[in-house]
Amino acid sequence: MFFAALVQFIEPAPFHFSVSLMMLLAVIVGGSGRFFGPVIGTVVIVLLPEWLRFMQSWYLAVFGFAVVALMMWLPGGILSLTDRFQTKGADK
């Protein structure tokens, strides 16, 4: 809606598959079902490749590995860390 108001014309070209995939990845990484999950996920998805750019040709492979590792160890997203710490504190 905001994009259409900005450009006053809308077409499917700006929404490539890779852009849609990155939006979905941001929600998954941050934590779906949480208010700030997509915001945190977007920050990570945008900044992590930039921080890894010094690796030149390997940064995308490391980025992919980092995302897969994050999804394996934190299936609820980054914001599920608070839930893990709260349950560990309640067990003691």
Protein backbone atom coordinates (compact mmCIF):
# COMPACT_ATOMS: atom_id res chain seq x y z
CA MET A 1 0.00 0.00 0.00
CA PHE A 2 2.74 2.45 0.93
CA PHE A 3 4.83 1.42 -2.07
CA ALA A 4 1.90 1.99 -4.42
CA ALA A 5 1.32 5.45 -2.98
CA LEU A 6 5.01 6.27 -3.37
CA VAL A 7 5.41 5.24 -7.00
CA GLN A 8 1.75 5.76 -8.01
CA PHE A 9 1.97 2.58 -10.08
CA ILE A 10 2.33 -1.00 -9.04
CA GLU A 11 3.59 -3.99 -10.97
CA PRO A 12 5.07 -7.34 -9.94
CA ALA A 13 8.61 -6.54 -11.17
CA PRO A 14 9.96 -5.04 -7.89
CA PHE A 15 8.84 -8.12 -5.98
CA HIS A 16 11.20 -10.75 -7.32
CA PHE A 17 11.32 -14.21 -5.81
CA SER A 18 14.55 -13.39 -3.98
CA VAL A 19 13.00 -10.31 -2.36
CA SER A 20 9.95 -12.28 -1.25
CA LEU A 21 12.20 -15.02 0.09
CA MET A 22 14.26 -12.52 2.10
CA MET A 23 11.07 -11.07 3.62
CA LEU A 24 9.94 -14.54 4.65
CA LEU A 25 13.40 -15.34 5.99
CA ALA A 26 13.34 -12.17 8.11
CA VAL A 27 10.09 -13.27 9.75
CA ILE A 28 11.40 -16.77 10.41
CA VAL A 29 14.77 -15.61 11.77
CA GLY A 30 13.27 -12.97 14.04
CA GLY A 31 10.44 -15.11 15.30
CA SER A 32 7.00 -15.40 13.80
CA GLY A 33 4.07 -14.68 16.05
CA ARG A 34 5.94 -11.99 17.94
CA PHE A 35 5.55 -8.26 17.45
CA PHE A 36 9.23 -7.32 17.10
CA GLY A 37 10.30 -10.63 15.52
CA PRO A 38 10.22 -9.44 11.91
CA VAL A 39 12.01 -6.22 12.86
CA ILE A 40 14.85 -8.07 14.57
CA GLY A 41 14.94 -10.59 11.73
CA THR A 42 15.21 -7.81 9.14
CA VAL A 43 18.10 -6.24 11.02
CA VAL A 44 19.93 -9.57 11.12
CA ILE A 45 19.16 -10.46 7.49
CA VAL A 46 20.36 -7.05 6.26
CA LEU A 47 23.41 -6.59 8.49
CA LEU A 48 24.84 -10.12 8.59
CA PRO A 49 25.80 -10.25 4.87
CA GLU A 50 27.33 -6.79 5.18
CA TRP A 51 29.42 -7.86 8.17
CA LEU A 52 30.55 -10.96 6.27
CA ARG A 53 31.54 -9.11 3.07
CA PHE A 54 35.21 -9.21 3.97
CA MET A 55 35.10 -12.91 3.01
CA GLN A 56 34.53 -11.88 -0.64
CA SER A 57 33.29 -15.00 -2.44
CA TRP A 58 32.44 -17.04 0.68
CA TYR A 59 30.16 -14.62 2.49
CA LEU A 60 26.93 -15.99 0.98
CA ALA A 61 27.86 -19.55 1.94
CA VAL A 62 28.66 -18.47 5.52
CA PHE A 63 25.44 -16.44 5.62
CA GLY A 64 23.44 -19.48 4.50
CA PHE A 65 25.16 -21.69 7.07
CA ALA A 66 24.47 -19.12 9.82
CA VAL A 67 20.78 -18.95 8.93
CA VAL A 68 20.44 -22.76 8.84
CA ALA A 69 22.28 -23.05 12.17
CA LEU A 70 20.03 -20.41 13.71
CA MET A 71 16.93 -22.22 12.48
CA MET A 72 18.20 -25.51 13.92
CA TRP A 73 19.11 -24.19 17.37
CA LEU A 74 16.38 -21.56 17.66
CA PRO A 75 13.36 -22.83 15.72
CA GLY A 76 11.23 -20.09 17.27
CA GLY A 77 13.52 -17.33 16.02
CA ILE A 78 15.91 -15.00 17.81
CA LEU A 79 13.24 -13.73 20.16
CA SER A 80 12.71 -17.26 21.49
CA LEU A 81 15.98 -16.79 23.41
CA THR A 82 14.08 -14.92 26.10
CA ASP A 83 11.74 -17.89 26.53
CA ARG A 84 14.71 -20.25 26.88
CA PHE A 85 16.31 -18.10 29.57
CA GLN A 86 13.02 -17.76 31.45
CA THR A 87 12.44 -21.53 31.49
CA LYS A 88 16.01 -22.21 32.58
CA GLY A 89 15.62 -19.70 35.41
CA ALA A 90 12.31 -21.27 36.48
CA ASP A 91 13.85 -24.77 36.59
CA LYS A 92 16.41 -23.80 39.22
